[in-house]
Amino acid sequence: MTTAPQIEVTISYLEMLERPHNLLLHSPQGKKTSLIRAYKPTVSFYRYLYNTIGEPWLWWERRMLSDDALAQIIQDDNVEIYVLYYDGVPAGYAELDRREPKEIDLAYMGLIPDFIGQKLGPYLLSSIIDIAWSYEPKRLTVNTCSLDHPKALGVYQKCGFTNYDRNVKTIDDPKYNQA
């Protein structure tokens, strides 16, 4: 069996220690949006969101999980999935992981490629940050990497996240093993 080619990935770890005051909490002008929590989403619906949103950015970790392992995460009472709808159609999602006491991790966030460039990303991020801070955590974290959308790091920083660590790691190219 041939081994997968290796790629280098830079991961930026960010945190927010207090609620920001500059959030964009109104839908971009003229956009008919709804942000709805998906309580205990089905694995198939979650995989649709994760795979569709993550494909251009090589999201692969959740693809490797069995359905049972994935269900244990996404159906946990302390993991919240919020789906952004535009004109009644899923346009993106965000996942808050509240399993650590007093700390919330923004585990995943992204838009379906058809909706990128419509200013929905900053709106979704601001809305999720606002929801996260409603729990009054001591810390809100997120990480992004060099495989993500090129504007991801800047949008996180503009919304109030600051870098606290960064590392470079070498991984198997996720494209190599995709069927």
C-alpha atoms as a PDB file:
ATOM      1  CA  MET A   1       0.000   0.000   0.000  1.00  0.00           C
ATOM      2  CA  THR A   2       1.300   3.432  -0.934  1.00  0.00           C
ATOM      3  CA  THR A   3       1.540   6.027   1.792  1.00  0.00           C
ATOM      4  CA  ALA A   4      -0.221   9.362   1.467  1.00  0.00           C
ATOM      5  CA  PRO A   5       1.838  12.416   0.533  1.00  0.00           C
ATOM      6  CA  GLN A   6       2.571  14.733   3.449  1.00  0.00           C
ATOM      7  CA  ILE A   7       1.510  18.374   3.695  1.00  0.00           C
ATOM      8  CA  GLU A   8       2.546  21.036   6.172  1.00  0.00           C
ATOM      9  CA  VAL A   9      -0.217  22.826   8.082  1.00  0.00           C
ATOM     10  CA  THR A  10       0.109  25.901  10.291  1.00  0.00           C
ATOM     11  CA  ILE A  11      -2.456  25.940  13.110  1.00  0.00           C
ATOM     12  CA  SER A  12      -3.334  29.173  14.914  1.00  0.00           C
ATOM     13  CA  TYR A  13      -4.950  28.851  18.340  1.00  0.00           C
ATOM     14  CA  LEU A  14      -7.063  31.819  19.391  1.00  0.00           C
ATOM     15  CA  GLU A  15      -8.928  32.851  22.512  1.00  0.00           C
ATOM     16  CA  MET A  16     -11.310  35.482  23.756  1.00  0.00           C
ATOM     17  CA  LEU A  17     -11.378  36.314  27.458  1.00  0.00           C
ATOM     18  CA  GLU A  18     -14.262  38.789  27.501  1.00  0.00           C
ATOM     19  CA  ARG A  19     -17.384  39.515  25.488  1.00  0.00           C
ATOM     20  CA  PRO A  20     -16.601  41.857  22.587  1.00  0.00           C
ATOM     21  CA  HIS A  21     -18.699  44.969  21.970  1.00  0.00           C
ATOM     22  CA  ASN A  22     -18.330  45.220  18.186  1.00  0.00           C
ATOM     23  CA  LEU A  23     -20.359  42.228  17.033  1.00  0.00           C
ATOM     24  CA  LEU A  24     -22.357  42.289  13.812  1.00  0.00           C
ATOM     25  CA  LEU A  25     -25.648  40.920  15.132  1.00  0.00           C
ATOM     26  CA  HIS A  26     -27.903  42.008  12.288  1.00  0.00           C
ATOM     27  CA  SER A  27     -28.166  40.028   9.092  1.00  0.00           C
ATOM     28  CA  PRO A  28     -26.391  41.686   6.171  1.00  0.00           C
ATOM     29  CA  GLN A  29     -28.744  44.129   4.452  1.00  0.00           C
ATOM     30  CA  GLY A  30     -31.302  42.437   2.257  1.00  0.00           C
ATOM     31  CA  LYS A  31     -30.408  38.931   3.433  1.00  0.00           C
ATOM     32  CA  LYS A  32     -33.286  36.765   4.685  1.00  0.00           C
ATOM     33  CA  THR A  33     -31.520  34.683   7.309  1.00  0.00           C
ATOM     34  CA  SER A  34     -32.430  32.531  10.285  1.00  0.00           C
ATOM     35  CA  LEU A  35     -30.063  30.975  12.792  1.00  0.00           C
ATOM     36  CA  ILE A  36     -31.627  27.862  14.279  1.00  0.00           C
ATOM     37  CA  ARG A  37     -30.188  25.414  16.786  1.00  0.00           C
ATOM     38  CA  ALA A  38     -30.285  21.817  15.583  1.00  0.00           C
ATOM     39  CA  TYR A  39     -31.020  19.819  18.726  1.00  0.00           C
ATOM     40  CA  LYS A  40     -29.426  16.386  18.497  1.00  0.00           C
ATOM     41  CA  PRO A  41     -29.008  16.507  14.709  1.00  0.00           C
ATOM     42  CA  THR A  42     -28.973  13.299  12.746  1.00  0.00           C
ATOM     43  CA  VAL A  43     -25.578  12.066  11.672  1.00  0.00           C
ATOM     44  CA  SER A  44     -26.611  12.278   7.998  1.00  0.00           C
ATOM     45  CA  PHE A  45     -27.635  15.960   8.302  1.00  0.00           C
ATOM     46  CA  TYR A  46     -24.444  16.794  10.193  1.00  0.00           C
ATOM     47  CA  ARG A  47     -22.306  14.960   7.635  1.00  0.00           C
ATOM     48  CA  TYR A  48     -24.048  16.903   4.851  1.00  0.00           C
ATOM     49  CA  LEU A  49     -23.111  20.208   6.510  1.00  0.00           C
ATOM     50  CA  TYR A  50     -19.602  19.159   7.527  1.00  0.00           C
ATOM     51  CA  ASN A  51     -18.700  17.567   4.194  1.00  0.00           C
ATOM     52  CA  THR A  52     -20.228  20.292   2.007  1.00  0.00           C
ATOM     53  CA  ILE A  53     -18.744  23.163   3.994  1.00  0.00           C
ATOM     54  CA  GLY A  54     -15.430  21.494   4.735  1.00  0.00           C
ATOM     55  CA  GLU A  55     -14.586  20.017   1.356  1.00  0.00           C
ATOM     56  CA  PRO A  56     -12.799  23.089  -0.076  1.00  0.00           C
ATOM     57  CA  TRP A  57     -10.791  23.429   3.165  1.00  0.00           C
ATOM     58  CA  LEU A  58      -9.921  19.732   3.507  1.00  0.00           C
ATOM     59  CA  TRP A  59     -11.885  19.131   6.705  1.00  0.00           C
ATOM     60  CA  TRP A  60     -11.225  15.469   7.294  1.00  0.00           C
ATOM     61  CA  GLU A  61     -11.192  14.608  11.003  1.00  0.00           C
ATOM     62  CA  ARG A  62     -14.943  14.074  11.413  1.00  0.00           C
ATOM     63  CA  ARG A  63     -15.081  12.132   8.141  1.00  0.00           C
ATOM     64  CA  MET A  64     -12.863   9.514   9.774  1.00  0.00           C
ATOM     65  CA  LEU A  65     -15.282   8.933  12.676  1.00  0.00           C
ATOM     66  CA  SER A  66     -17.818   6.139  12.675  1.00  0.00           C
ATOM     67  CA  ASP A  67     -21.466   7.180  12.772  1.00  0.00           C
ATOM     68  CA  ASP A  68     -21.699   6.072  16.414  1.00  0.00           C
ATOM     69  CA  ALA A  69     -18.613   8.041  17.463  1.00  0.00           C
ATOM     70  CA  LEU A  70     -19.841  11.134  15.621  1.00  0.00           C
ATOM     71  CA  ALA A  71     -23.333  10.827  17.134  1.00  0.00           C
ATOM     72  CA  GLN A  72     -21.808  10.732  20.628  1.00  0.00           C
ATOM     73  CA  ILE A  73     -20.219  14.125  19.997  1.00  0.00           C
ATOM     74  CA  ILE A  74     -22.917  15.994  18.088  1.00  0.00           C
ATOM     75  CA  GLN A  75     -25.806  14.706  20.188  1.00  0.00           C
ATOM     76  CA  ASP A  76     -24.136  15.511  23.512  1.00  0.00           C
ATOM     77  CA  ASP A  77     -26.201  17.995  25.542  1.00  0.00           C
ATOM     78  CA  ASN A  78     -23.124  20.238  25.845  1.00  0.00           C
ATOM     79  CA  VAL A  79     -22.434  20.419  22.120  1.00  0.00           C
ATOM     80  CA  GLU A  80     -24.595  22.916  20.269  1.00  0.00           C
ATOM     81  CA  ILE A  81     -24.999  23.015  16.502  1.00  0.00           C
ATOM     82  CA  TYR A  82     -26.456  26.175  14.957  1.00  0.00           C
ATOM     83  CA  VAL A  83     -27.482  26.183  11.316  1.00  0.00           C
ATOM     84  CA  LEU A  84     -27.616  29.427   9.335  1.00  0.00           C
ATOM     85  CA  TYR A  85     -30.402  29.444   6.763  1.00  0.00           C
ATOM     86  CA  TYR A  86     -30.622  31.870   3.862  1.00  0.00           C
ATOM     87  CA  ASP A  87     -34.010  32.059   2.136  1.00  0.00           C
ATOM     88  CA  GLY A  88     -34.905  28.772   3.869  1.00  0.00           C
ATOM     89  CA  VAL A  89     -31.813  26.921   2.607  1.00  0.00           C
ATOM     90  CA  PRO A  90     -28.892  25.819   4.832  1.00  0.00           C
ATOM     91  CA  ALA A  91     -26.054  28.252   4.201  1.00  0.00           C
ATOM     92  CA  GLY A  92     -23.628  27.394   7.015  1.00  0.00           C
ATOM     93  CA  TYR A  93     -23.223  26.156  10.532  1.00  0.00           C
ATOM     94  CA  ALA A  94     -21.311  26.624  13.747  1.00  0.00           C
ATOM     95  CA  GLU A  95     -20.617  24.196  16.557  1.00  0.00           C
ATOM     96  CA  LEU A  96     -20.071  25.208  20.179  1.00  0.00           C
ATOM     97  CA  ASP A  97     -18.442  22.634  22.442  1.00  0.00           C
ATOM     98  CA  ARG A  98     -19.301  23.360  26.084  1.00  0.00           C
ATOM     99  CA  ARG A  99     -18.049  20.073  27.552  1.00  0.00           C
ATOM    100  CA  GLU A 100     -15.216  21.793  29.457  1.00  0.00           C
ATOM    101  CA  PRO A 101     -16.465  23.733  32.504  1.00  0.00           C
ATOM    102  CA  LYS A 102     -16.232  27.519  32.052  1.00  0.00           C
ATOM    103  CA  GLU A 103     -14.615  27.170  28.633  1.00  0.00           C
ATOM    104  CA  ILE A 104     -16.325  27.027  25.265  1.00  0.00           C
ATOM    105  CA  ASP A 105     -14.664  25.969  22.047  1.00  0.00           C
ATOM    106  CA  LEU A 106     -15.962  27.050  18.674  1.00  0.00           C
ATOM    107  CA  ALA A 107     -15.197  23.622  17.221  1.00  0.00           C
ATOM    108  CA  TYR A 108     -16.374  24.253  13.653  1.00  0.00           C
ATOM    109  CA  MET A 109     -17.811  27.119  11.670  1.00  0.00           C
ATOM    110  CA  GLY A 110     -18.204  27.678   7.982  1.00  0.00           C
ATOM    111  CA  LEU A 111     -20.392  28.453   5.019  1.00  0.00           C
ATOM    112  CA  ILE A 112     -21.527  26.294   2.143  1.00  0.00           C
ATOM    113  CA  PRO A 113     -19.385  27.441  -0.807  1.00  0.00           C
ATOM    114  CA  ASP A 114     -22.393  28.913  -2.685  1.00  0.00           C
ATOM    115  CA  PHE A 115     -22.825  31.466   0.133  1.00  0.00           C
ATOM    116  CA  ILE A 116     -19.217  32.620   0.553  1.00  0.00           C
ATOM    117  CA  GLY A 117     -18.677  36.287  -0.302  1.00  0.00           C
ATOM    118  CA  GLN A 118     -22.107  37.489   0.821  1.00  0.00           C
ATOM    119  CA  LYS A 119     -20.977  38.813   4.238  1.00  0.00           C
ATOM    120  CA  LEU A 120     -22.704  35.918   5.986  1.00  0.00           C
ATOM    121  CA  GLY A 121     -19.485  34.673   7.650  1.00  0.00           C
ATOM    122  CA  PRO A 122     -18.933  37.680   9.950  1.00  0.00           C
ATOM    123  CA  TYR A 123     -22.664  37.664  10.795  1.00  0.00           C
ATOM    124  CA  LEU A 124     -22.624  33.936  11.661  1.00  0.00           C
ATOM    125  CA  LEU A 125     -19.434  34.314  13.710  1.00  0.00           C
ATOM    126  CA  SER A 126     -20.760  37.344  15.600  1.00  0.00           C
ATOM    127  CA  SER A 127     -24.017  35.554  16.363  1.00  0.00           C
ATOM    128  CA  ILE A 128     -22.196  32.456  17.640  1.00  0.00           C
ATOM    129  CA  ILE A 129     -19.852  34.540  19.787  1.00  0.00           C
ATOM    130  CA  ASP A 130     -22.897  36.255  21.296  1.00  0.00           C
ATOM    131  CA  ILE A 131     -24.538  32.891  22.039  1.00  0.00           C
ATOM    132  CA  ALA A 132     -21.332  31.535  23.567  1.00  0.00           C
ATOM    133  CA  TRP A 133     -20.941  34.534  25.887  1.00  0.00           C
ATOM    134  CA  SER A 134     -24.542  34.127  27.083  1.00  0.00           C
ATOM    135  CA  TYR A 135     -23.160  31.151  29.076  1.00  0.00           C
ATOM    136  CA  GLU A 136     -20.639  33.470  30.781  1.00  0.00           C
ATOM    137  CA  PRO A 137     -17.530  31.372  30.164  1.00  0.00           C
ATOM    138  CA  LYS A 138     -14.105  32.415  31.358  1.00  0.00           C
ATOM    139  CA  ARG A 139     -12.712  31.696  27.898  1.00  0.00           C
ATOM    140  CA  LEU A 140     -13.901  31.164  24.326  1.00  0.00           C
ATOM    141  CA  THR A 141     -11.464  29.393  21.987  1.00  0.00           C
ATOM    142  CA  VAL A 142     -11.189  28.580  18.295  1.00  0.00           C
ATOM    143  CA  ASN A 143      -8.435  27.362  16.038  1.00  0.00           C
ATOM    144  CA  THR A 144      -7.893  27.802  12.345  1.00  0.00           C
ATOM    145  CA  CYS A 145      -5.241  26.538  10.012  1.00  0.00           C
ATOM    146  CA  SER A 146      -3.531  27.331   6.756  1.00  0.00           C
ATOM    147  CA  LEU A 147      -5.958  24.994   4.941  1.00  0.00           C
ATOM    148  CA  ASP A 148      -8.998  27.101   5.964  1.00  0.00           C
ATOM    149  CA  HIS A 149     -10.445  30.037   4.036  1.00  0.00           C
ATOM    150  CA  PRO A 150      -7.696  32.664   3.629  1.00  0.00           C
ATOM    151  CA  LYS A 151      -9.822  35.274   5.451  1.00  0.00           C
ATOM    152  CA  ALA A 152     -10.690  33.029   8.430  1.00  0.00           C
ATOM    153  CA  LEU A 153      -7.889  34.167  10.750  1.00  0.00           C
ATOM    154  CA  GLY A 154      -8.528  37.856  10.039  1.00  0.00           C
ATOM    155  CA  VAL A 155     -12.276  37.532  10.613  1.00  0.00           C
ATOM    156  CA  TYR A 156     -11.690  35.778  13.942  1.00  0.00           C
ATOM    157  CA  GLN A 157      -9.280  38.510  15.006  1.00  0.00           C
ATOM    158  CA  LYS A 158     -11.604  41.296  13.859  1.00  0.00           C
ATOM    159  CA  CYS A 159     -14.347  39.800  16.031  1.00  0.00           C
ATOM    160  CA  GLY A 160     -12.084  39.891  19.089  1.00  0.00           C
ATOM    161  CA  PHE A 161     -10.086  36.652  19.188  1.00  0.00           C
ATOM    162  CA  THR A 162      -6.350  36.894  19.889  1.00  0.00           C
ATOM    163  CA  ASN A 163      -3.620  34.357  19.149  1.00  0.00           C
ATOM    164  CA  TYR A 164      -2.236  32.469  22.113  1.00  0.00           C
ATOM    165  CA  ASP A 165      -0.322  29.717  20.292  1.00  0.00           C
ATOM    166  CA  ARG A 166       0.695  28.558  16.858  1.00  0.00           C
ATOM    167  CA  ASN A 167       2.334  25.432  15.571  1.00  0.00           C
ATOM    168  CA  VAL A 168       3.227  23.716  12.367  1.00  0.00           C
ATOM    169  CA  LYS A 169       2.551  20.061  11.839  1.00  0.00           C
ATOM    170  CA  THR A 170       2.855  17.623   8.998  1.00  0.00           C
ATOM    171  CA  ILE A 171      -0.191  15.504   8.159  1.00  0.00           C
ATOM    172  CA  ASP A 172      -1.194  12.982   5.538  1.00  0.00           C
ATOM    173  CA  ASP A 173      -2.809  14.829   2.643  1.00  0.00           C
ATOM    174  CA  PRO A 174      -6.567  14.317   3.220  1.00  0.00           C
ATOM    175  CA  LYS A 175      -7.195  14.407  -0.546  1.00  0.00           C
ATOM    176  CA  TYR A 176      -5.117  11.271  -0.996  1.00  0.00           C
ATOM    177  CA  ASN A 177      -7.495   8.970   0.893  1.00  0.00           C
ATOM    178  CA  GLN A 178     -10.814  10.423  -0.257  1.00  0.00           C
ATOM    179  CA  ALA A 179     -12.940   8.057  -2.250  1.00  0.00           C
END
